[in-house]
Amino acid sequence: MESIINEEKTKELLTEILIEMMQSKREIFYEIVLEALEEIGLANAIIEGRQNEFVSEEEIFSILDSEVE
């Protein structure tokens, strides 16, 4: 016998599963959300800080090498 699940029931089941997982694996979801927020913050900082053309990789390494010496 085949079961046909409509879109609404599927959405409801997925929501229940996600809520149960979030409750039982709270630390993992906390880390995932924290990582996502950090990535968004980094992307926003890059966008805000970009004022000129990109600098070549060679220029960056030459500056870093000169600071080490």
PDB file of N, CA and C in Angstrom:
ATOM      1  N   MET A   1       0.844  -1.186   0.000  1.00  0.00           N
ATOM      2  CA  MET A   1       0.000   0.000   0.000  1.00  0.00           C
ATOM      3  C   MET A   1       0.890   1.250   0.000  1.00  0.00           C
ATOM      4  N   GLU A   2       0.632   2.142  -0.916  1.00  0.00           N
ATOM      5  CA  GLU A   2       1.407   3.371  -1.009  1.00  0.00           C
ATOM      6  C   GLU A   2       0.758   4.487  -0.215  1.00  0.00           C
ATOM      7  N   SER A   3       1.599   5.253   0.446  1.00  0.00           N
ATOM      8  CA  SER A   3       1.110   6.419   1.173  1.00  0.00           C
ATOM      9  C   SER A   3       1.433   7.663   0.367  1.00  0.00           C
ATOM     10  N   ILE A   4       0.453   8.481   0.178  1.00  0.00           N
ATOM     11  CA  ILE A   4       0.662   9.748  -0.510  1.00  0.00           C
ATOM     12  C   ILE A   4       0.547  10.854   0.531  1.00  0.00           C
ATOM     13  N   ILE A   5       1.638  11.614   0.657  1.00  0.00           N
ATOM     14  CA  ILE A   5       1.663  12.699   1.640  1.00  0.00           C
ATOM     15  C   ILE A   5       1.612  14.009   0.866  1.00  0.00           C
ATOM     16  N   ASN A   6       0.660  14.831   1.208  1.00  0.00           N
ATOM     17  CA  ASN A   6       0.552  16.101   0.504  1.00  0.00           C
ATOM     18  C   ASN A   6       1.610  17.094   0.998  1.00  0.00           C
ATOM     19  N   GLU A   7       1.717  18.186   0.314  1.00  0.00           N
ATOM     20  CA  GLU A   7       2.747  19.181   0.613  1.00  0.00           C
ATOM     21  C   GLU A   7       2.601  19.742   2.026  1.00  0.00           C
ATOM     22  N   GLU A   8       1.394  19.988   2.460  1.00  0.00           N
ATOM     23  CA  GLU A   8       1.163  20.534   3.804  1.00  0.00           C
ATOM     24  C   GLU A   8       1.614  19.555   4.883  1.00  0.00           C
ATOM     25  N   LYS A   9       1.296  18.278   4.713  1.00  0.00           N
ATOM     26  CA  LYS A   9       1.686  17.260   5.696  1.00  0.00           C
ATOM     27  C   LYS A   9       3.207  17.102   5.715  1.00  0.00           C
ATOM     28  N   THR A  10       3.827  17.154   4.542  1.00  0.00           N
ATOM     29  CA  THR A  10       5.283  17.061   4.462  1.00  0.00           C
ATOM     30  C   THR A  10       5.933  18.217   5.205  1.00  0.00           C
ATOM     31  N   LYS A  11       5.434  19.413   4.990  1.00  0.00           N
ATOM     32  CA  LYS A  11       5.967  20.596   5.666  1.00  0.00           C
ATOM     33  C   LYS A  11       5.800  20.470   7.182  1.00  0.00           C
ATOM     34  N   GLU A  12       4.669  19.986   7.608  1.00  0.00           N
ATOM     35  CA  GLU A  12       4.391  19.806   9.037  1.00  0.00           C
ATOM     36  C   GLU A  12       5.350  18.783   9.642  1.00  0.00           C
ATOM     37  N   LEU A  13       5.564  17.671   8.951  1.00  0.00           N
ATOM     38  CA  LEU A  13       6.474  16.635   9.451  1.00  0.00           C
ATOM     39  C   LEU A  13       7.912  17.144   9.520  1.00  0.00           C
ATOM     40  N   LEU A  14       8.339  17.863   8.493  1.00  0.00           N
ATOM     41  CA  LEU A  14       9.694  18.414   8.499  1.00  0.00           C
ATOM     42  C   LEU A  14       9.888  19.422   9.636  1.00  0.00           C
ATOM     43  N   THR A  15       8.875  20.221   9.880  1.00  0.00           N
ATOM     44  CA  THR A  15       8.940  21.180  10.973  1.00  0.00           C
ATOM     45  C   THR A  15       9.080  20.470  12.312  1.00  0.00           C
ATOM     46  N   GLU A  16       8.294  19.424  12.505  1.00  0.00           N
ATOM     47  CA  GLU A  16       8.385  18.653  13.744  1.00  0.00           C
ATOM     48  C   GLU A  16       9.763  18.026  13.913  1.00  0.00           C
ATOM     49  N   ILE A  17      10.294  17.478  12.825  1.00  0.00           N
ATOM     50  CA  ILE A  17      11.616  16.849  12.878  1.00  0.00           C
ATOM     51  C   ILE A  17      12.687  17.879  13.224  1.00  0.00           C
ATOM     52  N   LEU A  18      12.634  19.040  12.579  1.00  0.00           N
ATOM     53  CA  LEU A  18      13.624  20.079  12.866  1.00  0.00           C
ATOM     54  C   LEU A  18      13.546  20.557  14.306  1.00  0.00           C
ATOM     55  N   ILE A  19      12.338  20.740  14.807  1.00  0.00           N
ATOM     56  CA  ILE A  19      12.173  21.188  16.195  1.00  0.00           C
ATOM     57  C   ILE A  19      12.718  20.142  17.156  1.00  0.00           C
ATOM     58  N   GLU A  20      12.426  18.886  16.894  1.00  0.00           N
ATOM     59  CA  GLU A  20      12.916  17.814  17.763  1.00  0.00           C
ATOM     60  C   GLU A  20      14.439  17.737  17.726  1.00  0.00           C
ATOM     61  N   MET A  21      15.016  17.877  16.545  1.00  0.00           N
ATOM     62  CA  MET A  21      16.472  17.854  16.425  1.00  0.00           C
ATOM     63  C   MET A  21      17.102  19.035  17.135  1.00  0.00           C
ATOM     64  N   MET A  22      16.490  20.206  17.003  1.00  0.00           N
ATOM     65  CA  MET A  22      17.021  21.402  17.656  1.00  0.00           C
ATOM     66  C   MET A  22      16.973  21.263  19.168  1.00  0.00           C
ATOM     67  N   GLN A  23      15.952  20.645  19.668  1.00  0.00           N
ATOM     68  CA  GLN A  23      15.837  20.468  21.109  1.00  0.00           C
ATOM     69  C   GLN A  23      16.820  19.417  21.621  1.00  0.00           C
ATOM     70  N   SER A  24      16.987  18.327  20.883  1.00  0.00           N
ATOM     71  CA  SER A  24      17.853  17.257  21.370  1.00  0.00           C
ATOM     72  C   SER A  24      19.326  17.519  21.076  1.00  0.00           C
ATOM     73  N   LYS A  25      19.623  18.259  20.031  1.00  0.00           N
ATOM     74  CA  LYS A  25      21.007  18.558  19.652  1.00  0.00           C
ATOM     75  C   LYS A  25      21.256  20.056  19.689  1.00  0.00           C
ATOM     76  N   ARG A  26      20.896  20.661  20.771  1.00  0.00           N
ATOM     77  CA  ARG A  26      20.956  22.119  20.921  1.00  0.00           C
ATOM     78  C   ARG A  26      22.345  22.690  20.652  1.00  0.00           C
ATOM     79  N   GLU A  27      23.382  22.032  21.167  1.00  0.00           N
ATOM     80  CA  GLU A  27      24.741  22.554  21.010  1.00  0.00           C
ATOM     81  C   GLU A  27      25.165  22.586  19.545  1.00  0.00           C
ATOM     82  N   ILE A  28      24.806  21.554  18.798  1.00  0.00           N
ATOM     83  CA  ILE A  28      25.184  21.505  17.384  1.00  0.00           C
ATOM     84  C   ILE A  28      24.510  22.632  16.615  1.00  0.00           C
ATOM     85  N   PHE A  29      23.220  22.839  16.853  1.00  0.00           N
ATOM     86  CA  PHE A  29      22.503  23.901  16.153  1.00  0.00           C
ATOM     87  C   PHE A  29      23.011  25.274  16.576  1.00  0.00           C
ATOM     88  N   TYR A  30      23.394  25.424  17.833  1.00  0.00           N
ATOM     89  CA  TYR A  30      23.958  26.683  18.303  1.00  0.00           C
ATOM     90  C   TYR A  30      25.235  26.989  17.530  1.00  0.00           C
ATOM     91  N   GLU A  31      26.095  25.978  17.360  1.00  0.00           N
ATOM     92  CA  GLU A  31      27.342  26.176  16.637  1.00  0.00           C
ATOM     93  C   GLU A  31      27.092  26.507  15.166  1.00  0.00           C
ATOM     94  N   ILE A  32      26.108  25.842  14.567  1.00  0.00           N
ATOM     95  CA  ILE A  32      25.785  26.107  13.160  1.00  0.00           C
ATOM     96  C   ILE A  32      25.304  27.543  12.984  1.00  0.00           C
ATOM     97  N   VAL A  33      24.406  27.974  13.853  1.00  0.00           N
ATOM     98  CA  VAL A  33      23.871  29.337  13.753  1.00  0.00           C
ATOM     99  C   VAL A  33      24.965  30.360  14.027  1.00  0.00           C
ATOM    100  N   LEU A  34      25.797  30.102  15.023  1.00  0.00           N
ATOM    101  CA  LEU A  34      26.892  31.012  15.348  1.00  0.00           C
ATOM    102  C   LEU A  34      27.863  31.133  14.174  1.00  0.00           C
ATOM    103  N   GLU A  35      28.211  30.007  13.570  1.00  0.00           N
ATOM    104  CA  GLU A  35      29.110  30.019  12.414  1.00  0.00           C
ATOM    105  C   GLU A  35      28.507  30.806  11.253  1.00  0.00           C
ATOM    106  N   ALA A  36      27.217  30.620  11.019  1.00  0.00           N
ATOM    107  CA  ALA A  36      26.543  31.345   9.933  1.00  0.00           C
ATOM    108  C   ALA A  36      26.558  32.850  10.198  1.00  0.00           C
ATOM    109  N   LEU A  37      26.307  33.244  11.437  1.00  0.00           N
ATOM    110  CA  LEU A  37      26.319  34.672  11.779  1.00  0.00           C
ATOM    111  C   LEU A  37      27.720  35.272  11.628  1.00  0.00           C
ATOM    112  N   GLU A  38      28.742  34.498  12.001  1.00  0.00           N
ATOM    113  CA  GLU A  38      30.111  34.984  11.834  1.00  0.00           C
ATOM    114  C   GLU A  38      30.448  35.171  10.359  1.00  0.00           C
ATOM    115  N   GLU A  39      30.009  34.234   9.527  1.00  0.00           N
ATOM    116  CA  GLU A  39      30.258  34.341   8.092  1.00  0.00           C
ATOM    117  C   GLU A  39      29.549  35.564   7.496  1.00  0.00           C
ATOM    118  N   ILE A  40      28.330  35.806   7.931  1.00  0.00           N
ATOM    119  CA  ILE A  40      27.587  36.977   7.457  1.00  0.00           C
ATOM    120  C   ILE A  40      28.292  38.254   7.895  1.00  0.00           C
ATOM    121  N   GLY A  41      28.740  38.278   9.143  1.00  0.00           N
ATOM    122  CA  GLY A  41      29.463  39.446   9.648  1.00  0.00           C
ATOM    123  C   GLY A  41      30.749  39.689   8.879  1.00  0.00           C
ATOM    124  N   LEU A  42      31.476  38.629   8.574  1.00  0.00           N
ATOM    125  CA  LEU A  42      32.710  38.764   7.809  1.00  0.00           C
ATOM    126  C   LEU A  42      32.418  39.281   6.405  1.00  0.00           C
ATOM    127  N   ALA A  43      31.391  38.726   5.773  1.00  0.00           N
ATOM    128  CA  ALA A  43      31.023  39.178   4.423  1.00  0.00           C
ATOM    129  C   ALA A  43      30.636  40.655   4.433  1.00  0.00           C
ATOM    130  N   ASN A  44      29.872  41.069   5.420  1.00  0.00           N
ATOM    131  CA  ASN A  44      29.474  42.483   5.525  1.00  0.00           C
ATOM    132  C   ASN A  44      30.675  43.379   5.763  1.00  0.00           C
ATOM    133  N   ALA A  45      31.617  42.927   6.596  1.00  0.00           N
ATOM    134  CA  ALA A  45      32.822  43.718   6.868  1.00  0.00           C
ATOM    135  C   ALA A  45      33.662  43.867   5.603  1.00  0.00           C
ATOM    136  N   ILE A  46      33.744  42.800   4.818  1.00  0.00           N
ATOM    137  CA  ILE A  46      34.496  42.868   3.566  1.00  0.00           C
ATOM    138  C   ILE A  46      33.844  43.858   2.610  1.00  0.00           C
ATOM    139  N   ILE A  47      32.531  43.788   2.494  1.00  0.00           N
ATOM    140  CA  ILE A  47      31.805  44.694   1.599  1.00  0.00           C
ATOM    141  C   ILE A  47      31.979  46.144   2.045  1.00  0.00           C
ATOM    142  N   GLU A  48      31.856  46.408   3.346  1.00  0.00           N
ATOM    143  CA  GLU A  48      31.992  47.772   3.865  1.00  0.00           C
ATOM    144  C   GLU A  48      33.417  48.286   3.737  1.00  0.00           C
ATOM    145  N   GLY A  49      34.379  47.404   3.933  1.00  0.00           N
ATOM    146  CA  GLY A  49      35.779  47.830   3.926  1.00  0.00           C
ATOM    147  C   GLY A  49      36.375  47.981   2.548  1.00  0.00           C
ATOM    148  N   ARG A  50      35.751  47.403   1.566  1.00  0.00           N
ATOM    149  CA  ARG A  50      36.307  47.469   0.213  1.00  0.00           C
ATOM    150  C   ARG A  50      36.083  48.858  -0.371  1.00  0.00           C
ATOM    151  N   GLN A  51      37.187  49.558  -0.620  1.00  0.00           N
ATOM    152  CA  GLN A  51      37.090  50.903  -1.161  1.00  0.00           C
ATOM    153  C   GLN A  51      37.820  51.039  -2.488  1.00  0.00           C
ATOM    154  N   ASN A  52      38.823  50.208  -2.697  1.00  0.00           N
ATOM    155  CA  ASN A  52      39.641  50.309  -3.903  1.00  0.00           C
ATOM    156  C   ASN A  52      39.594  48.993  -4.670  1.00  0.00           C
ATOM    157  N   GLU A  53      40.429  48.928  -5.700  1.00  0.00           N
ATOM    158  CA  GLU A  53      40.541  47.698  -6.477  1.00  0.00           C
ATOM    159  C   GLU A  53      41.180  46.612  -5.612  1.00  0.00           C
ATOM    160  N   PHE A  54      40.998  45.374  -6.019  1.00  0.00           N
ATOM    161  CA  PHE A  54      41.602  44.267  -5.300  1.00  0.00           C
ATOM    162  C   PHE A  54      43.118  44.334  -5.413  1.00  0.00           C
ATOM    163  N   VAL A  55      43.777  43.863  -4.377  1.00  0.00           N
ATOM    164  CA  VAL A  55      45.232  43.822  -4.343  1.00  0.00           C
ATOM    165  C   VAL A  55      45.656  42.424  -4.759  1.00  0.00           C
ATOM    166  N   SER A  56      46.731  42.339  -5.546  1.00  0.00           N
ATOM    167  CA  SER A  56      47.180  41.030  -6.013  1.00  0.00           C
ATOM    168  C   SER A  56      47.777  40.224  -4.860  1.00  0.00           C
ATOM    169  N   GLU A  57      47.758  38.931  -5.045  1.00  0.00           N
ATOM    170  CA  GLU A  57      48.312  38.030  -4.032  1.00  0.00           C
ATOM    171  C   GLU A  57      49.802  38.295  -3.842  1.00  0.00           C
ATOM    172  N   GLU A  58      50.510  38.593  -4.917  1.00  0.00           N
ATOM    173  CA  GLU A  58      51.948  38.863  -4.835  1.00  0.00           C
ATOM    174  C   GLU A  58      52.228  40.083  -3.958  1.00  0.00           C
ATOM    175  N   GLU A  59      51.413  41.128  -4.107  1.00  0.00           N
ATOM    176  CA  GLU A  59      51.591  42.336  -3.287  1.00  0.00           C
ATOM    177  C   GLU A  59      51.398  42.022  -1.806  1.00  0.00           C
ATOM    178  N   ILE A  60      50.390  41.235  -1.500  1.00  0.00           N
ATOM    179  CA  ILE A  60      50.109  40.881  -0.107  1.00  0.00           C
ATOM    180  C   ILE A  60      51.272  40.101   0.484  1.00  0.00           C
ATOM    181  N   PHE A  61      51.776  39.102  -0.252  1.00  0.00           N
ATOM    182  CA  PHE A  61      52.878  38.298   0.258  1.00  0.00           C
ATOM    183  C   PHE A  61      54.163  39.109   0.366  1.00  0.00           C
ATOM    184  N   SER A  62      54.378  40.037  -0.525  1.00  0.00           N
ATOM    185  CA  SER A  62      55.595  40.863  -0.417  1.00  0.00           C
ATOM    186  C   SER A  62      55.530  41.752   0.821  1.00  0.00           C
ATOM    187  N   ILE A  63      54.340  42.281   1.134  1.00  0.00           N
ATOM    188  CA  ILE A  63      54.180  43.093   2.345  1.00  0.00           C
ATOM    189  C   ILE A  63      54.389  42.234   3.584  1.00  0.00           C
ATOM    190  N   LEU A  64      53.787  41.056   3.595  1.00  0.00           N
ATOM    191  CA  LEU A  64      53.935  40.159   4.750  1.00  0.00           C
ATOM    192  C   LEU A  64      55.379  39.710   4.909  1.00  0.00           C
ATOM    193  N   ASP A  65      56.048  39.405   3.808  1.00  0.00           N
ATOM    194  CA  ASP A  65      57.444  38.988   3.875  1.00  0.00           C
ATOM    195  C   ASP A  65      58.337  40.104   4.398  1.00  0.00           C
ATOM    196  N   SER A  66      58.068  41.348   3.998  1.00  0.00           N
ATOM    197  CA  SER A  66      58.892  42.471   4.453  1.00  0.00           C
ATOM    198  C   SER A  66      58.695  42.733   5.946  1.00  0.00           C
ATOM    199  N   GLU A  67      57.507  42.455   6.464  1.00  0.00           N
ATOM    200  CA  GLU A  67      57.254  42.659   7.890  1.00  0.00           C
ATOM    201  C   GLU A  67      57.912  41.588   8.738  1.00  0.00           C
ATOM    202  N   VAL A  68      58.105  40.402   8.190  1.00  0.00           N
ATOM    203  CA  VAL A  68      58.722  39.305   8.925  1.00  0.00           C
ATOM    204  C   VAL A  68      60.214  39.544   9.072  1.00  0.00           C
ATOM    205  N   GLU A  69      60.843  40.127   8.054  1.00  0.00           N
ATOM    206  CA  GLU A  69      62.296  40.352   8.063  1.00  0.00           C
ATOM    207  C   GLU A  69      62.686  41.435   8.976  1.00  0.00           C
TER     208      GLU A  69
END
